[in-house]
Amino acid sequence: METRDINDAISFSGEKMRKSPIFDSDKLFYDAYCLMPGQEQKVHTHDESDKIYYVLQGAPRFTIANEEQDLGPGTAVIARAGDPHGVRNDTDENAVLLVTMAPRPA
């Protein structure tokens, strides 16, 4: 059985949002995204893959399919294949997201 302690994946970089892999396969990835105040993942798309963000800490602002919303801990949001999506941390606190994407982009 493969297990991971999510806390081991939480780390921040002053330069840019940090992505830390938790599980990785040829079918999907499951990462921790760690954003300090002012950091972001720019809006982009994946034509063949769905991405799910789960907010573990903080209250970042998500852009999904041209809608924006601040989401807090315990909330999940999906960006369906082809939907423009991104996230930014406009708060004064760090944000931690658990992110799954499938199928894994080539």
N, C-alpha and C. Protein backbone atom coordinates (compact mmCIF):
# COMPACT_ATOMS: atom_id res chain seq x y z
N MET A 1 0.84 -1.18 0.00
CA MET A 1 0.00 0.00 0.00
C MET A 1 0.89 1.24 0.00
N GLU A 2 0.62 2.12 -0.92
CA GLU A 2 1.36 3.39 -0.96
C GLU A 2 0.61 4.43 -0.12
N THR A 3 1.32 5.07 0.78
CA THR A 3 0.75 6.15 1.57
C THR A 3 1.71 7.32 1.57
N ARG A 4 1.18 8.49 1.80
CA ARG A 4 1.99 9.70 1.90
C ARG A 4 1.43 10.57 3.02
N ASP A 5 2.31 11.26 3.71
CA ASP A 5 1.92 12.27 4.69
C ASP A 5 1.85 13.59 3.93
N ILE A 6 0.66 14.14 3.79
CA ILE A 6 0.47 15.38 3.04
C ILE A 6 1.35 16.49 3.59
N ASN A 7 1.55 16.51 4.90
CA ASN A 7 2.37 17.56 5.51
C ASN A 7 3.79 17.59 4.96
N ASP A 8 4.30 16.42 4.52
CA ASP A 8 5.65 16.37 3.95
C ASP A 8 5.73 17.10 2.62
N ALA A 9 4.59 17.27 1.94
CA ALA A 9 4.57 17.93 0.63
C ALA A 9 4.37 19.44 0.72
N ILE A 10 4.09 19.93 1.90
CA ILE A 10 3.82 21.36 2.06
C ILE A 10 5.13 22.11 2.27
N SER A 11 5.49 22.91 1.27
CA SER A 11 6.66 23.78 1.38
C SER A 11 6.46 24.95 0.42
N PHE A 12 7.06 26.05 0.75
CA PHE A 12 6.85 27.30 0.02
C PHE A 12 8.17 27.81 -0.55
N SER A 13 8.05 28.58 -1.62
CA SER A 13 9.20 29.22 -2.25
C SER A 13 8.87 30.70 -2.41
N GLY A 14 9.79 31.55 -2.06
CA GLY A 14 9.58 32.99 -2.23
C GLY A 14 9.57 33.41 -3.69
N GLU A 15 10.08 32.57 -4.58
CA GLU A 15 10.17 32.91 -6.00
C GLU A 15 8.86 32.73 -6.75
N LYS A 16 8.17 31.59 -6.52
CA LYS A 16 6.92 31.30 -7.22
C LYS A 16 6.17 30.19 -6.51
N MET A 17 4.91 29.97 -6.93
CA MET A 17 4.12 28.89 -6.38
C MET A 17 4.91 27.59 -6.48
N ARG A 18 4.88 26.80 -5.41
CA ARG A 18 5.60 25.53 -5.43
C ARG A 18 4.61 24.39 -5.62
N LYS A 19 4.93 23.49 -6.56
CA LYS A 19 4.18 22.26 -6.79
C LYS A 19 5.01 21.11 -6.23
N SER A 20 4.40 20.35 -5.34
CA SER A 20 5.09 19.20 -4.75
C SER A 20 4.30 17.93 -5.06
N PRO A 21 4.91 16.98 -5.77
CA PRO A 21 4.18 15.75 -6.09
C PRO A 21 3.91 14.91 -4.85
N ILE A 22 2.71 14.35 -4.80
CA ILE A 22 2.33 13.43 -3.73
C ILE A 22 2.22 12.02 -4.32
N PHE A 23 1.40 11.88 -5.36
CA PHE A 23 1.33 10.63 -6.14
C PHE A 23 1.45 11.01 -7.61
N ASP A 24 2.05 10.12 -8.38
CA ASP A 24 2.26 10.38 -9.79
C ASP A 24 2.20 9.05 -10.54
N SER A 25 1.45 9.04 -11.63
CA SER A 25 1.41 7.85 -12.47
C SER A 25 1.24 8.29 -13.92
N ASP A 26 1.21 7.33 -14.83
CA ASP A 26 1.00 7.70 -16.22
C ASP A 26 -0.46 8.08 -16.49
N LYS A 27 -1.36 7.88 -15.51
CA LYS A 27 -2.78 8.19 -15.67
C LYS A 27 -3.21 9.49 -14.99
N LEU A 28 -2.51 9.90 -13.93
CA LEU A 28 -2.91 11.10 -13.18
C LEU A 28 -1.75 11.62 -12.37
N PHE A 29 -1.94 12.84 -11.82
CA PHE A 29 -1.04 13.32 -10.78
C PHE A 29 -1.88 13.87 -9.63
N TYR A 30 -1.27 13.86 -8.46
CA TYR A 30 -1.89 14.38 -7.23
C TYR A 30 -0.79 15.17 -6.54
N ASP A 31 -0.93 16.50 -6.54
CA ASP A 31 0.12 17.39 -6.04
C ASP A 31 -0.40 18.30 -4.93
N ALA A 32 0.54 18.85 -4.18
CA ALA A 32 0.25 19.97 -3.29
C ALA A 32 0.76 21.23 -3.99
N TYR A 33 -0.11 22.23 -4.13
CA TYR A 33 0.29 23.54 -4.63
C TYR A 33 0.34 24.47 -3.43
N CYS A 34 1.47 25.12 -3.24
CA CYS A 34 1.68 26.00 -2.09
C CYS A 34 1.93 27.41 -2.59
N LEU A 35 1.04 28.33 -2.23
CA LEU A 35 1.12 29.70 -2.70
C LEU A 35 1.28 30.67 -1.54
N MET A 36 2.34 31.44 -1.59
CA MET A 36 2.51 32.53 -0.63
C MET A 36 1.67 33.71 -1.12
N PRO A 37 1.43 34.70 -0.26
CA PRO A 37 0.69 35.88 -0.69
C PRO A 37 1.27 36.48 -1.98
N GLY A 38 0.40 36.78 -2.93
CA GLY A 38 0.81 37.38 -4.19
C GLY A 38 1.19 36.39 -5.28
N GLN A 39 1.31 35.11 -4.96
CA GLN A 39 1.69 34.13 -5.97
C GLN A 39 0.46 33.59 -6.70
N GLU A 40 0.69 33.06 -7.90
CA GLU A 40 -0.42 32.57 -8.70
C GLU A 40 0.01 31.45 -9.65
N GLN A 41 -1.00 30.75 -10.13
CA GLN A 41 -0.87 29.88 -11.28
C GLN A 41 -1.69 30.57 -12.36
N LYS A 42 -1.03 31.03 -13.40
CA LYS A 42 -1.72 31.80 -14.43
C LYS A 42 -2.80 30.97 -15.11
N VAL A 43 -3.82 31.67 -15.60
CA VAL A 43 -4.92 31.01 -16.29
C VAL A 43 -4.39 30.31 -17.54
N HIS A 44 -4.78 29.05 -17.69
CA HIS A 44 -4.35 28.22 -18.81
C HIS A 44 -5.42 27.15 -19.05
N THR A 45 -5.23 26.30 -20.05
CA THR A 45 -6.19 25.24 -20.32
C THR A 45 -5.47 23.91 -20.56
N HIS A 46 -6.24 22.85 -20.40
CA HIS A 46 -5.81 21.49 -20.76
C HIS A 46 -6.97 20.91 -21.57
N ASP A 47 -6.74 20.66 -22.83
CA ASP A 47 -7.82 20.23 -23.72
C ASP A 47 -8.35 18.84 -23.42
N GLU A 48 -7.53 17.98 -22.85
CA GLU A 48 -7.94 16.58 -22.68
C GLU A 48 -8.06 16.14 -21.22
N SER A 49 -7.81 17.04 -20.26
CA SER A 49 -7.73 16.63 -18.86
C SER A 49 -8.62 17.49 -17.97
N ASP A 50 -9.19 16.86 -16.94
CA ASP A 50 -9.91 17.55 -15.88
C ASP A 50 -8.95 17.79 -14.73
N LYS A 51 -9.11 18.92 -14.03
CA LYS A 51 -8.28 19.22 -12.87
C LYS A 51 -9.20 19.57 -11.71
N ILE A 52 -8.92 18.96 -10.56
CA ILE A 52 -9.68 19.25 -9.34
C ILE A 52 -8.74 19.88 -8.32
N TYR A 53 -9.16 21.03 -7.79
CA TYR A 53 -8.45 21.71 -6.72
C TYR A 53 -9.24 21.52 -5.42
N TYR A 54 -8.56 21.19 -4.33
CA TYR A 54 -9.16 21.10 -3.01
C TYR A 54 -8.37 22.04 -2.10
N VAL A 55 -9.06 22.98 -1.46
CA VAL A 55 -8.39 23.96 -0.60
C VAL A 55 -8.17 23.34 0.77
N LEU A 56 -6.90 23.20 1.14
CA LEU A 56 -6.53 22.68 2.44
C LEU A 56 -6.33 23.82 3.43
N GLN A 57 -5.67 24.90 2.99
CA GLN A 57 -5.40 26.07 3.85
C GLN A 57 -5.56 27.33 3.01
N GLY A 58 -5.98 28.40 3.67
CA GLY A 58 -6.07 29.70 3.01
C GLY A 58 -7.39 29.90 2.30
N ALA A 59 -7.45 30.97 1.51
CA ALA A 59 -8.67 31.32 0.77
C ALA A 59 -8.29 31.96 -0.57
N PRO A 60 -7.69 31.18 -1.47
CA PRO A 60 -7.27 31.73 -2.75
C PRO A 60 -8.45 32.02 -3.67
N ARG A 61 -8.17 32.79 -4.72
CA ARG A 61 -9.17 33.14 -5.72
C ARG A 61 -8.95 32.26 -6.95
N PHE A 62 -10.00 31.57 -7.35
CA PHE A 62 -9.95 30.68 -8.51
C PHE A 62 -10.63 31.34 -9.69
N THR A 63 -10.07 31.11 -10.86
CA THR A 63 -10.71 31.45 -12.12
C THR A 63 -10.96 30.13 -12.83
N ILE A 64 -12.23 29.84 -13.08
CA ILE A 64 -12.62 28.63 -13.80
C ILE A 64 -13.65 29.04 -14.85
N ALA A 65 -13.35 28.79 -16.10
CA ALA A 65 -14.29 29.08 -17.20
C ALA A 65 -14.83 30.51 -17.10
N ASN A 66 -13.93 31.47 -16.89
CA ASN A 66 -14.27 32.90 -16.87
C ASN A 66 -15.10 33.34 -15.66
N GLU A 67 -15.22 32.50 -14.63
CA GLU A 67 -15.83 32.90 -13.36
C GLU A 67 -14.74 32.96 -12.32
N GLU A 68 -14.86 33.91 -11.38
CA GLU A 68 -13.89 34.03 -10.29
C GLU A 68 -14.61 33.88 -8.96
N GLN A 69 -13.94 33.18 -8.03
CA GLN A 69 -14.51 33.02 -6.70
C GLN A 69 -13.40 32.70 -5.71
N ASP A 70 -13.49 33.30 -4.52
CA ASP A 70 -12.60 32.96 -3.41
C ASP A 70 -13.17 31.72 -2.74
N LEU A 71 -12.31 30.73 -2.50
CA LEU A 71 -12.74 29.48 -1.87
C LEU A 71 -11.88 29.20 -0.65
N GLY A 72 -12.51 28.69 0.40
CA GLY A 72 -11.81 28.43 1.64
C GLY A 72 -11.61 26.95 1.91
N PRO A 73 -10.99 26.64 3.05
CA PRO A 73 -10.67 25.26 3.41
C PRO A 73 -11.90 24.35 3.35
N GLY A 74 -11.66 23.15 2.82
CA GLY A 74 -12.73 22.16 2.73
C GLY A 74 -13.53 22.26 1.44
N THR A 75 -13.19 23.20 0.56
CA THR A 75 -13.92 23.40 -0.69
C THR A 75 -13.13 22.83 -1.85
N ALA A 76 -13.83 22.15 -2.77
CA ALA A 76 -13.21 21.64 -3.98
C ALA A 76 -13.88 22.28 -5.19
N VAL A 77 -13.11 22.42 -6.27
CA VAL A 77 -13.64 22.97 -7.51
C VAL A 77 -13.00 22.20 -8.67
N ILE A 78 -13.77 22.02 -9.74
CA ILE A 78 -13.25 21.29 -10.90
C ILE A 78 -13.15 22.22 -12.10
N ALA A 79 -12.07 22.06 -12.84
CA ALA A 79 -11.90 22.68 -14.15
C ALA A 79 -11.99 21.55 -15.16
N ARG A 80 -13.08 21.51 -15.89
CA ARG A 80 -13.27 20.46 -16.88
C ARG A 80 -12.33 20.68 -18.06
N ALA A 81 -12.04 19.63 -18.78
CA ALA A 81 -11.17 19.72 -19.95
C ALA A 81 -11.61 20.87 -20.85
N GLY A 82 -10.67 21.71 -21.23
CA GLY A 82 -10.95 22.84 -22.09
C GLY A 82 -11.32 24.12 -21.38
N ASP A 83 -11.67 24.06 -20.08
CA ASP A 83 -12.01 25.26 -19.32
C ASP A 83 -10.74 26.03 -18.95
N PRO A 84 -10.67 27.32 -19.25
CA PRO A 84 -9.56 28.12 -18.74
C PRO A 84 -9.61 28.11 -17.20
N HIS A 85 -8.45 27.94 -16.56
CA HIS A 85 -8.43 27.89 -15.10
C HIS A 85 -7.09 28.37 -14.57
N GLY A 86 -7.14 28.88 -13.34
CA GLY A 86 -5.95 29.32 -12.64
C GLY A 86 -6.33 29.70 -11.22
N VAL A 87 -5.32 30.02 -10.42
CA VAL A 87 -5.56 30.36 -9.03
C VAL A 87 -4.52 31.39 -8.60
N ARG A 88 -4.94 32.31 -7.74
CA ARG A 88 -3.99 33.28 -7.20
C ARG A 88 -4.32 33.52 -5.73
N ASN A 89 -3.29 33.85 -4.99
CA ASN A 89 -3.44 34.10 -3.56
C ASN A 89 -3.34 35.60 -3.33
N ASP A 90 -4.49 36.25 -3.22
CA ASP A 90 -4.54 37.69 -2.97
C ASP A 90 -4.63 38.02 -1.49
N THR A 91 -4.51 37.02 -0.63
CA THR A 91 -4.64 37.24 0.81
C THR A 91 -3.27 37.48 1.44
N ASP A 92 -3.28 37.71 2.75
CA ASP A 92 -2.03 37.89 3.50
C ASP A 92 -1.55 36.59 4.13
N GLU A 93 -2.23 35.48 3.84
CA GLU A 93 -1.87 34.19 4.42
C GLU A 93 -1.46 33.21 3.32
N ASN A 94 -0.65 32.22 3.67
CA ASN A 94 -0.29 31.18 2.73
C ASN A 94 -1.52 30.35 2.37
N ALA A 95 -1.49 29.75 1.18
CA ALA A 95 -2.56 28.87 0.73
C ALA A 95 -1.95 27.53 0.31
N VAL A 96 -2.66 26.45 0.64
CA VAL A 96 -2.23 25.11 0.26
C VAL A 96 -3.42 24.42 -0.41
N LEU A 97 -3.16 23.88 -1.60
CA LEU A 97 -4.18 23.19 -2.38
C LEU A 97 -3.73 21.77 -2.67
N LEU A 98 -4.66 20.84 -2.67
CA LEU A 98 -4.40 19.50 -3.17
C LEU A 98 -5.00 19.46 -4.58
N VAL A 99 -4.22 19.03 -5.55
CA VAL A 99 -4.61 19.12 -6.95
C VAL A 99 -4.45 17.77 -7.64
N THR A 100 -5.53 17.33 -8.28
CA THR A 100 -5.52 16.10 -9.05
C THR A 100 -5.86 16.42 -10.50
N MET A 101 -5.15 15.78 -11.41
CA MET A 101 -5.45 15.97 -12.83
C MET A 101 -5.42 14.61 -13.53
N ALA A 102 -6.48 14.37 -14.32
CA ALA A 102 -6.57 13.11 -15.07
C ALA A 102 -7.38 13.35 -16.34
N PRO A 103 -7.03 12.70 -17.43
CA PRO A 103 -5.79 11.95 -17.53
C PRO A 103 -4.59 12.89 -17.49
N ARG A 104 -3.49 12.34 -17.11
CA ARG A 104 -2.26 13.13 -17.01
C ARG A 104 -1.92 13.69 -18.39
N PRO A 105 -1.62 15.00 -18.47
CA PRO A 105 -1.27 15.56 -19.78
C PRO A 105 0.03 14.98 -20.31
N ALA A 106 0.11 14.88 -21.62
CA ALA A 106 1.30 14.30 -22.25
C ALA A 106 2.49 15.22 -22.16
